[in-house]
N, C-alpha and C. Protein backbone atom coordinates (compact mmCIF):
# COMPACT_ATOMS: atom_id res chain seq x y z
N MET A 1 92.69 -50.35 285.13
CA MET A 1 93.79 -50.45 284.09
C MET A 1 93.69 -49.93 282.36
N LEU A 2 92.39 -50.74 282.16
CA LEU A 2 92.81 -50.11 281.01
C LEU A 2 91.98 -48.75 280.72
N MET A 3 91.55 -48.45 281.54
CA MET A 3 90.98 -46.94 281.34
C MET A 3 91.98 -45.88 281.46
N LEU A 4 92.72 -46.42 282.59
CA LEU A 4 94.06 -45.50 282.71
C LEU A 4 95.10 -45.58 281.66
N VAL A 5 95.26 -46.34 280.94
CA VAL A 5 96.17 -46.29 279.75
C VAL A 5 95.69 -45.61 278.77
N THR A 6 94.37 -45.95 278.29
CA THR A 6 93.73 -45.49 277.15
C THR A 6 93.22 -43.89 277.26
N GLU A 7 93.21 -43.36 278.37
CA GLU A 7 92.44 -42.08 278.67
C GLU A 7 93.51 -40.80 278.06
N ASP A 8 92.22 -39.90 277.44
CA ASP A 8 93.13 -38.77 277.00
C ASP A 8 92.39 -37.47 277.63
N LYS A 9 91.89 -37.29 279.02
CA LYS A 9 91.05 -36.76 279.39
C LYS A 9 91.50 -37.07 281.00
N VAL A 10 91.79 -35.46 281.88
CA VAL A 10 92.26 -35.82 283.26
C VAL A 10 90.84 -36.35 283.95
N LEU A 11 90.11 -35.77 283.34
CA LEU A 11 88.62 -36.71 284.48
C LEU A 11 88.61 -38.26 284.26
N GLN A 12 88.85 -38.81 282.97
CA GLN A 12 89.10 -40.32 283.02
C GLN A 12 90.18 -40.99 283.74
N LEU A 13 91.41 -40.14 283.86
CA LEU A 13 92.34 -40.67 284.72
C LEU A 13 92.20 -40.65 286.03
N PHE A 14 91.01 -39.62 286.58
CA PHE A 14 90.40 -39.85 288.14
C PHE A 14 89.45 -41.01 288.04
N LEU A 15 88.73 -41.15 287.19
CA LEU A 15 87.79 -42.51 287.05
C LEU A 15 88.53 -44.01 286.86
N GLY A 16 89.65 -43.78 286.38
CA GLY A 16 90.46 -44.75 286.01
C GLY A 16 91.19 -45.29 287.39
N LEU A 17 91.30 -44.25 288.15
CA LEU A 17 92.41 -44.55 289.52
C LEU A 17 91.07 -45.10 290.52
N GLU A 18 90.06 -44.19 290.43
CA GLU A 18 89.11 -44.69 291.47
C GLU A 18 88.40 -46.33 290.93
N GLY A 19 88.81 -46.78 289.67
CA GLY A 19 87.91 -48.23 289.82
C GLY A 19 89.27 -49.02 290.27
N VAL A 20 90.58 -48.74 289.91
CA VAL A 20 91.72 -49.50 290.69
C VAL A 20 91.25 -49.32 291.81
N GLY A 21 90.88 -48.21 292.62
CA GLY A 21 90.64 -47.96 294.28
C GLY A 21 89.58 -49.04 294.44
N LEU A 22 88.73 -49.16 293.60
CA LEU A 22 87.51 -50.06 294.14
C LEU A 22 87.86 -51.54 293.76
N ALA A 23 88.62 -51.99 293.08
CA ALA A 23 89.33 -53.24 292.90
C ALA A 23 89.91 -53.38 294.01
N SER A 24 90.75 -52.51 294.51
CA SER A 24 91.49 -52.92 295.67
C SER A 24 90.64 -53.31 297.04
N TYR A 25 89.51 -52.32 297.18
CA TYR A 25 88.60 -52.44 297.95
C TYR A 25 87.88 -53.74 298.37
N PHE A 26 87.49 -54.20 296.92
CA PHE A 26 86.81 -55.84 296.69
C PHE A 26 87.71 -56.66 297.32
N LEU A 27 88.64 -56.61 297.16
CA LEU A 27 90.05 -57.66 297.50
C LEU A 27 90.27 -57.94 298.68
N ILE A 28 90.54 -56.34 299.12
CA ILE A 28 90.82 -56.69 301.06
C ILE A 28 89.06 -57.03 301.99
N HIS A 29 88.21 -56.46 301.00
CA HIS A 29 87.13 -56.67 301.68
C HIS A 29 86.13 -58.25 301.52
N PHE A 30 87.04 -58.88 300.89
CA PHE A 30 86.60 -60.27 300.25
C PHE A 30 85.93 -60.92 301.73
N TRP A 31 86.76 -60.97 302.71
CA TRP A 31 86.17 -61.68 303.74
C TRP A 31 85.19 -60.74 304.56
N PHE A 32 84.43 -60.46 304.11
CA PHE A 32 83.41 -59.11 304.82
C PHE A 32 83.03 -59.41 306.25
N LYS A 33 82.52 -60.78 306.40
CA LYS A 33 82.50 -60.89 307.96
C LYS A 33 83.43 -60.97 309.08
N ARG A 34 84.63 -60.80 308.68
CA ARG A 34 86.16 -60.97 309.55
C ARG A 34 86.03 -59.38 310.03
N LEU A 35 86.29 -59.38 311.09
CA LEU A 35 86.67 -57.75 311.64
C LEU A 35 87.79 -57.14 310.85
N GLN A 36 88.87 -58.09 311.11
CA GLN A 36 90.22 -57.59 310.64
C GLN A 36 90.02 -56.97 309.24
N ALA A 37 89.18 -57.52 308.48
CA ALA A 37 88.93 -57.43 307.12
C ALA A 37 88.29 -56.06 307.18
N ASP A 38 87.27 -55.78 307.77
CA ASP A 38 86.48 -54.69 307.58
C ASP A 38 87.18 -53.51 308.31
N GLU A 39 88.11 -53.84 309.27
CA GLU A 39 89.31 -52.42 309.71
C GLU A 39 90.28 -52.18 308.61
N ALA A 40 90.67 -53.62 308.17
CA ALA A 40 91.64 -52.69 306.84
C ALA A 40 90.95 -52.36 306.03
N VAL A 41 89.70 -52.41 305.50
CA VAL A 41 89.09 -51.62 304.43
C VAL A 41 89.00 -50.63 304.71
N ILE A 42 88.37 -50.12 305.64
CA ILE A 42 88.61 -48.61 306.24
C ILE A 42 89.38 -47.88 306.45
N LYS A 43 90.53 -48.38 306.64
CA LYS A 43 91.83 -47.78 306.69
C LYS A 43 92.34 -48.07 305.20
N ALA A 44 92.11 -48.62 304.42
CA ALA A 44 92.49 -48.21 303.20
C ALA A 44 91.23 -47.24 302.13
N MET A 45 90.53 -47.35 302.47
CA MET A 45 89.65 -46.39 301.84
C MET A 45 89.96 -44.84 302.57
N LEU A 46 90.13 -44.89 303.71
CA LEU A 46 90.35 -43.49 304.26
C LEU A 46 91.68 -43.10 304.00
N VAL A 47 92.58 -43.82 303.85
CA VAL A 47 93.79 -43.36 303.27
C VAL A 47 93.88 -42.81 301.63
N ASN A 48 93.12 -43.80 300.99
CA ASN A 48 93.03 -43.32 299.79
C ASN A 48 92.07 -42.12 299.39
N ARG A 49 91.19 -41.69 300.12
CA ARG A 49 90.32 -40.45 300.16
C ARG A 49 91.60 -39.40 300.21
N VAL A 50 92.59 -39.31 300.82
CA VAL A 50 93.31 -38.11 301.03
C VAL A 50 94.14 -38.30 299.86
N GLY A 51 94.41 -39.05 299.02
CA GLY A 51 94.92 -39.39 298.09
C GLY A 51 94.33 -38.68 296.89
N ASP A 52 92.84 -39.02 296.63
CA ASP A 52 91.91 -38.65 295.75
C ASP A 52 91.41 -37.38 295.94
N PHE A 53 91.38 -36.73 297.17
CA PHE A 53 91.11 -35.24 297.46
C PHE A 53 92.33 -34.29 296.76
N GLY A 54 93.69 -34.83 296.84
CA GLY A 54 94.35 -33.75 296.14
C GLY A 54 94.58 -33.78 294.85
N LEU A 55 94.09 -35.26 294.26
CA LEU A 55 94.07 -35.44 292.76
C LEU A 55 92.79 -34.84 292.18
N ALA A 56 91.65 -34.64 293.16
CA ALA A 56 90.55 -34.07 292.62
C ALA A 56 90.88 -32.40 292.64
N LEU A 57 91.68 -31.81 293.35
CA LEU A 57 92.02 -30.62 293.59
C LEU A 57 93.07 -30.14 292.13
N GLY A 58 94.08 -31.13 292.27
CA GLY A 58 94.76 -30.84 290.88
C GLY A 58 94.12 -30.98 289.62
N ILE A 59 93.04 -31.74 289.47
CA ILE A 59 92.10 -31.52 288.37
C ILE A 59 91.35 -30.64 288.30
N PHE A 60 90.74 -29.85 289.38
CA PHE A 60 90.13 -28.86 289.24
C PHE A 60 90.91 -27.51 289.07
N GLY A 61 92.20 -27.52 289.37
CA GLY A 61 93.19 -26.44 289.12
C GLY A 61 93.54 -26.57 287.59
N CYS A 62 93.73 -27.91 287.18
CA CYS A 62 94.04 -27.79 285.96
C CYS A 62 92.45 -27.30 284.63
N PHE A 63 91.52 -27.42 285.31
CA PHE A 63 90.20 -26.86 284.72
C PHE A 63 90.40 -25.51 284.75
N THR A 64 90.53 -24.92 286.20
CA THR A 64 90.71 -23.54 286.19
C THR A 64 91.64 -22.72 285.53
N LEU A 65 92.86 -23.08 285.31
CA LEU A 65 93.64 -22.81 284.53
C LEU A 65 93.69 -22.61 282.80
N PHE A 66 93.52 -23.97 282.46
CA PHE A 66 93.61 -24.02 281.21
C PHE A 66 92.22 -24.23 280.56
N GLN A 67 91.11 -24.47 281.31
CA GLN A 67 89.58 -24.36 281.06
C GLN A 67 89.43 -25.49 279.89
N THR A 68 90.10 -26.44 280.14
CA THR A 68 89.82 -27.85 279.72
C THR A 68 90.42 -28.76 280.45
N ILE A 69 89.74 -30.27 280.16
CA ILE A 69 90.53 -31.35 280.64
C ILE A 69 91.18 -32.48 279.72
N HIS A 70 91.34 -32.01 278.77
CA HIS A 70 91.93 -32.65 277.74
C HIS A 70 93.61 -32.62 277.73
N PHE A 71 94.36 -33.54 277.82
CA PHE A 71 95.57 -33.64 277.87
C PHE A 71 96.22 -32.91 276.85
N SER A 72 95.89 -33.29 275.62
CA SER A 72 96.68 -32.62 274.44
C SER A 72 96.37 -31.08 274.51
N THR A 73 95.66 -30.68 274.83
CA THR A 73 95.22 -29.02 275.17
C THR A 73 96.11 -28.40 276.09
N ILE A 74 95.87 -29.30 277.56
CA ILE A 74 96.50 -28.78 278.76
C ILE A 74 98.03 -29.00 278.33
N PHE A 75 98.56 -29.60 277.78
CA PHE A 75 100.20 -29.90 277.14
C PHE A 75 100.59 -28.66 276.30
N SER A 76 99.76 -28.35 275.35
CA SER A 76 100.32 -27.19 274.63
C SER A 76 99.72 -25.70 274.91
N CYS A 77 98.96 -25.92 276.10
CA CYS A 77 98.90 -24.65 276.66
C CYS A 77 99.77 -24.23 277.92
N ALA A 78 100.62 -25.55 278.73
CA ALA A 78 101.42 -25.28 279.71
C ALA A 78 102.62 -24.32 279.31
N SER A 79 103.04 -24.15 278.32
CA SER A 79 104.60 -23.64 278.12
C SER A 79 104.07 -21.99 278.00
N ALA A 80 103.19 -21.51 278.05
CA ALA A 80 102.80 -19.84 278.17
C ALA A 80 102.81 -19.87 279.72
N PRO A 81 103.46 -18.33 279.93
CA PRO A 81 103.88 -18.19 281.07
C PRO A 81 102.41 -17.63 281.98
N ARG A 82 102.54 -18.33 283.14
CA ARG A 82 100.99 -18.06 284.06
C ARG A 82 101.49 -17.38 285.11
N ASN A 83 100.26 -17.04 285.44
CA ASN A 83 100.03 -16.35 286.73
C ASN A 83 100.36 -17.22 288.01
N GLU A 84 100.41 -16.58 289.30
CA GLU A 84 100.71 -16.90 290.34
C GLU A 84 99.05 -17.21 291.32
N TRP A 85 99.61 -18.25 292.20
CA TRP A 85 98.17 -18.73 292.94
C TRP A 85 98.42 -18.45 294.37
N THR A 86 97.54 -18.03 295.28
CA THR A 86 97.88 -17.94 296.55
C THR A 86 97.32 -19.01 297.25
N PHE A 87 97.90 -20.06 297.73
CA PHE A 87 97.77 -21.26 298.51
C PHE A 87 98.30 -21.50 300.11
N CYS A 88 97.66 -21.95 300.96
CA CYS A 88 98.29 -21.72 302.52
C CYS A 88 99.04 -20.35 302.58
N ASN A 89 98.62 -19.19 302.33
CA ASN A 89 99.84 -18.26 302.38
C ASN A 89 100.92 -18.44 301.98
N MET A 90 100.81 -19.06 301.03
CA MET A 90 102.07 -19.30 299.82
C MET A 90 102.08 -18.59 298.79
N ARG A 91 102.61 -17.92 297.95
CA ARG A 91 102.39 -17.58 296.61
C ARG A 91 103.25 -18.57 295.60
N LEU A 92 102.27 -19.37 294.83
CA LEU A 92 103.15 -20.58 294.07
C LEU A 92 102.67 -20.41 292.77
N ASN A 93 103.73 -20.81 291.86
CA ASN A 93 102.95 -20.82 290.26
C ASN A 93 102.15 -21.68 290.06
N ALA A 94 101.17 -21.46 289.39
CA ALA A 94 99.89 -22.04 289.36
C ALA A 94 100.45 -23.72 288.80
N ILE A 95 101.21 -23.91 287.80
CA ILE A 95 101.47 -25.16 287.22
C ILE A 95 102.20 -26.01 288.36
N THR A 96 102.77 -25.17 289.30
CA THR A 96 103.75 -25.78 290.39
C THR A 96 102.51 -26.58 291.35
N LEU A 97 101.40 -25.75 291.80
CA LEU A 97 100.51 -26.06 292.34
C LEU A 97 99.87 -27.37 292.18
N ILE A 98 99.87 -26.96 290.75
CA ILE A 98 98.63 -27.98 290.18
C ILE A 98 99.61 -29.49 290.27
N CYS A 99 100.75 -29.19 289.71
CA CYS A 99 101.86 -30.10 290.10
C CYS A 99 101.77 -30.94 291.29
N ILE A 100 101.95 -30.02 292.44
CA ILE A 100 101.77 -30.88 293.70
C ILE A 100 100.86 -31.44 294.04
N LEU A 101 99.60 -31.40 293.60
CA LEU A 101 98.37 -31.88 293.97
C LEU A 101 98.07 -32.75 293.18
N LEU A 102 98.84 -32.90 292.09
CA LEU A 102 98.40 -34.41 291.24
C LEU A 102 99.68 -35.40 292.04
N PHE A 103 100.59 -34.78 292.36
CA PHE A 103 101.69 -35.49 293.14
C PHE A 103 100.66 -36.41 294.12
N VAL A 104 100.07 -35.32 295.16
CA VAL A 104 99.19 -35.95 296.42
C VAL A 104 98.30 -36.99 295.85
N GLY A 105 97.87 -37.20 294.93
CA GLY A 105 97.11 -37.92 294.31
C GLY A 105 97.85 -39.59 294.09
N VAL A 106 99.02 -39.33 293.41
CA VAL A 106 99.90 -40.57 292.72
C VAL A 106 100.32 -40.84 294.39
N VAL A 107 100.99 -40.05 295.41
CA VAL A 107 101.39 -40.65 296.74
C VAL A 107 100.25 -41.44 297.45
N GLY A 108 98.91 -40.84 297.43
CA GLY A 108 97.81 -41.62 298.03
C GLY A 108 97.59 -43.18 297.26
N LYS A 109 97.62 -43.34 295.97
CA LYS A 109 97.30 -44.51 295.19
C LYS A 109 98.46 -45.11 295.10
N SER A 110 99.81 -44.67 294.98
CA SER A 110 101.14 -45.72 294.78
C SER A 110 101.46 -46.28 296.33
N THR A 111 100.68 -45.35 297.60
CA THR A 111 101.26 -46.07 298.74
C THR A 111 102.70 -45.40 299.05
N HIS A 112 102.94 -44.28 298.68
CA HIS A 112 104.37 -43.24 299.18
C HIS A 112 104.16 -42.78 300.71
N ILE A 113 105.49 -42.73 300.88
CA ILE A 113 105.70 -41.67 302.24
C ILE A 113 104.58 -41.77 303.15
N LYS A 114 103.86 -40.75 303.37
CA LYS A 114 103.50 -41.14 304.96
C LYS A 114 101.72 -42.20 304.83
N LEU A 115 101.59 -41.97 303.53
CA LEU A 115 100.28 -42.52 302.87
C LEU A 115 100.04 -43.91 302.43
N HIS A 116 101.36 -45.30 303.25
CA HIS A 116 101.30 -46.30 302.93
C HIS A 116 100.79 -47.21 303.95
N THR A 117 100.23 -46.44 305.10
CA THR A 117 100.04 -47.44 306.13
C THR A 117 98.82 -48.61 305.91
N TRP A 118 98.18 -48.20 305.12
CA TRP A 118 97.05 -49.21 304.79
C TRP A 118 97.69 -50.62 303.89
N LEU A 119 98.71 -50.65 303.42
CA LEU A 119 98.91 -51.66 302.77
C LEU A 119 99.50 -52.71 303.16
N PRO A 120 99.94 -52.97 304.52
CA PRO A 120 100.19 -54.39 305.19
C PRO A 120 98.97 -55.06 305.60
N TYR A 121 97.85 -54.07 305.58
CA TYR A 121 96.32 -54.67 306.06
C TYR A 121 95.73 -55.32 305.09
N ALA A 122 96.24 -54.66 303.64
CA ALA A 122 95.75 -55.41 302.31
C ALA A 122 95.76 -56.67 302.19
N MET A 123 96.73 -57.41 303.22
CA MET A 123 96.71 -58.99 303.10
C MET A 123 95.68 -59.70 303.57
N GLU A 124 94.58 -58.73 304.00
CA GLU A 124 93.19 -59.39 304.55
C GLU A 124 92.30 -59.96 303.23
N GLY A 125 93.20 -60.01 302.37
CA GLY A 125 92.00 -60.73 300.69
C GLY A 125 92.10 -61.99 300.78
N PRO A 126 92.05 -62.62 299.97
CA PRO A 126 91.67 -63.92 300.02
C PRO A 126 92.84 -64.86 299.91
N THR A 127 93.86 -64.36 299.31
CA THR A 127 95.21 -65.02 298.73
C THR A 127 96.11 -64.04 299.26
N PRO A 128 97.38 -64.94 298.94
CA PRO A 128 98.42 -63.94 298.96
C PRO A 128 98.76 -62.93 297.38
N VAL A 129 98.09 -63.33 296.69
CA VAL A 129 98.04 -63.09 295.30
C VAL A 129 97.32 -61.65 295.40
N SER A 130 96.62 -61.39 296.37
CA SER A 130 95.84 -60.29 296.48
C SER A 130 96.88 -59.00 296.89
N SER A 131 98.09 -59.27 297.26
CA SER A 131 99.23 -58.02 297.46
C SER A 131 99.95 -57.65 296.10
N LEU A 132 100.06 -58.95 295.40
CA LEU A 132 100.52 -58.63 294.05
C LEU A 132 99.98 -57.99 293.35
N ILE A 133 98.41 -58.44 293.60
CA ILE A 133 97.47 -57.31 292.53
C ILE A 133 97.46 -56.20 292.78
N HIS A 134 97.64 -55.62 294.17
CA HIS A 134 97.77 -54.55 294.84
C HIS A 134 99.07 -53.58 294.08
N ALA A 135 100.24 -54.70 294.34
CA ALA A 135 101.35 -53.85 293.52
C ALA A 135 101.28 -53.43 292.10
N ALA A 136 100.71 -54.73 291.02
CA ALA A 136 100.20 -54.50 290.01
C ALA A 136 99.56 -53.26 289.62
N THR A 137 98.25 -52.80 290.11
CA THR A 137 97.54 -52.38 290.05
C THR A 137 98.08 -50.71 290.73
N MET A 138 97.43 -50.94 292.03
CA MET A 138 97.89 -49.12 292.86
C MET A 138 99.22 -48.95 292.48
N VAL A 139 100.32 -49.39 292.70
CA VAL A 139 101.32 -48.65 292.41
C VAL A 139 101.89 -48.34 291.04
N THR A 140 101.49 -49.18 290.22
CA THR A 140 101.99 -49.22 288.99
C THR A 140 100.98 -48.02 288.26
N ALA A 141 99.44 -47.79 288.89
CA ALA A 141 98.91 -46.72 288.34
C ALA A 141 99.09 -45.48 288.79
N GLY A 142 99.95 -45.16 289.98
CA GLY A 142 100.62 -43.82 290.35
C GLY A 142 101.82 -43.59 289.33
N VAL A 143 102.49 -44.52 289.25
CA VAL A 143 103.59 -44.31 288.19
C VAL A 143 103.25 -43.84 286.70
N LEU A 144 101.93 -44.46 286.28
CA LEU A 144 101.81 -44.14 285.13
C LEU A 144 101.03 -42.99 284.63
N MET A 145 100.51 -42.40 286.15
CA MET A 145 99.92 -41.16 286.13
C MET A 145 101.05 -40.00 286.18
N ILE A 146 102.28 -40.44 286.74
CA ILE A 146 103.51 -39.66 286.61
C ILE A 146 103.68 -39.56 285.21
N ALA A 147 103.73 -40.43 284.55
CA ALA A 147 104.58 -40.42 283.45
C ALA A 147 103.44 -39.76 282.38
N ARG A 148 102.32 -39.86 282.47
CA ARG A 148 101.22 -39.01 281.58
C ARG A 148 101.10 -37.45 282.03
N CYS A 149 101.20 -37.32 283.13
CA CYS A 149 101.46 -35.83 283.05
C CYS A 149 102.83 -35.30 283.15
N SER A 150 103.82 -36.10 282.59
CA SER A 150 105.28 -35.53 282.68
C SER A 150 105.47 -34.08 281.62
N PRO A 151 104.70 -34.19 280.82
CA PRO A 151 104.94 -32.57 280.09
C PRO A 151 104.50 -31.59 280.88
N LEU A 152 103.44 -31.66 281.55
CA LEU A 152 103.19 -30.70 282.48
C LEU A 152 103.89 -30.50 283.80
N LEU A 153 104.55 -31.63 284.29
CA LEU A 153 105.79 -31.32 285.41
C LEU A 153 106.77 -30.71 284.75
N GLU A 154 107.47 -30.67 283.28
CA GLU A 154 108.66 -30.21 282.70
C GLU A 154 107.97 -28.51 283.01
N TYR A 155 107.08 -27.98 282.62
CA TYR A 155 106.73 -26.65 283.00
C TYR A 155 106.83 -26.00 284.44
N SER A 156 106.83 -26.81 285.08
CA SER A 156 106.59 -26.31 286.52
C SER A 156 107.87 -26.08 287.07
N PRO A 157 108.31 -24.56 287.51
CA PRO A 157 109.79 -23.90 287.86
C PRO A 157 110.25 -24.83 288.97
N THR A 158 109.60 -25.08 289.58
CA THR A 158 110.44 -25.90 290.73
C THR A 158 110.39 -27.29 290.62
N THR A 159 109.80 -27.93 289.86
CA THR A 159 109.56 -29.52 289.89
C THR A 159 111.11 -30.01 289.15
N LEU A 160 111.41 -29.21 288.33
CA LEU A 160 112.59 -29.84 287.67
C LEU A 160 113.92 -29.20 287.69
N ALA A 161 114.02 -28.46 289.20
CA ALA A 161 115.09 -27.28 289.56
C ALA A 161 116.24 -28.52 289.83
N LYS A 162 117.53 -28.06 289.15
CA LYS A 162 118.52 -28.81 289.05
C LYS A 162 119.10 -28.13 290.94
N TYR A 163 119.68 -28.90 291.63
CA TYR A 163 120.05 -28.35 292.56
C TYR A 163 121.84 -28.44 292.68
N PRO A 164 122.56 -27.22 293.08
CA PRO A 164 124.09 -26.81 292.51
C PRO A 164 124.54 -28.51 293.64
N THR A 165 125.51 -28.89 292.88
CA THR A 165 126.54 -29.71 293.20
C THR A 165 127.83 -29.67 293.57
N LYS A 166 128.35 -29.93 294.31
CA LYS A 166 129.89 -29.96 294.52
C LYS A 166 130.88 -30.31 293.41
N ARG A 167 131.17 -29.59 292.77
CA ARG A 167 132.27 -29.80 291.15
C ARG A 167 133.59 -30.48 291.97
N LEU A 168 133.77 -31.77 291.46
CA LEU A 168 135.19 -32.37 291.50
C LEU A 168 136.47 -31.58 290.94
N PRO A 169 137.49 -31.52 291.68
CA PRO A 169 138.56 -30.98 290.94
C PRO A 169 138.69 -31.18 289.85
N LYS A 170 139.65 -30.93 288.95
CA LYS A 170 139.81 -31.00 287.49
C LYS A 170 141.10 -31.83 287.81
N ALA A 171 140.95 -33.09 287.46
CA ALA A 171 142.27 -34.00 287.25
C ALA A 171 143.27 -33.26 286.66
N GLU A 172 144.68 -33.32 287.02
CA GLU A 172 145.84 -32.69 286.71
C GLU A 172 146.54 -33.64 285.74
N SER A 173 146.57 -33.46 284.90
CA SER A 173 147.34 -34.56 284.27
C SER A 173 148.92 -34.95 284.26
N ILE A 174 148.98 -36.02 284.43
CA ILE A 174 150.30 -36.73 285.01
C ILE A 174 151.36 -36.51 284.33
N LYS A 175 152.60 -36.00 284.55
CA LYS A 175 153.77 -35.33 283.73
C LYS A 175 154.77 -36.94 283.90
N GLY A 176 155.19 -37.38 283.10
CA GLY A 176 156.10 -38.36 282.93
C GLY A 176 157.57 -38.28 282.97
């Protein structure tokens, strides 16, 4: 977690998240001779690899677009208009695609949406405190990553899009 908090490069962010995943692996696989623990750790690692793959692609996209992995340089260059990339037969803004891929990494580590299936099996650890440690590291790591990458999210045209809402009728003044 210390590496996540003090990082100034996207690659250090990735390595910090991998360290958090390694701690999770060791916690779940504490009773390595139990079959349930083996199955739980395999499930956790496979699901986390999906998130790590998205995060790695996002980091590669950052390096491809900005030619650097330093957060300060990426954030200062993000305001410049960028080209569009084709991904899965869709034309997307490059920063939007990078933000989506980084979000896949967050979803994988923070056990959201469909990548949460391994979390109930994490109780195969030695104590009930294991689940608290998962909540304190894995989920917090995802939230920290979103907070850290928020300046990049601001320059994505669709990330912060405001959806039209119904306007309430204006209240008429009450005549007395």
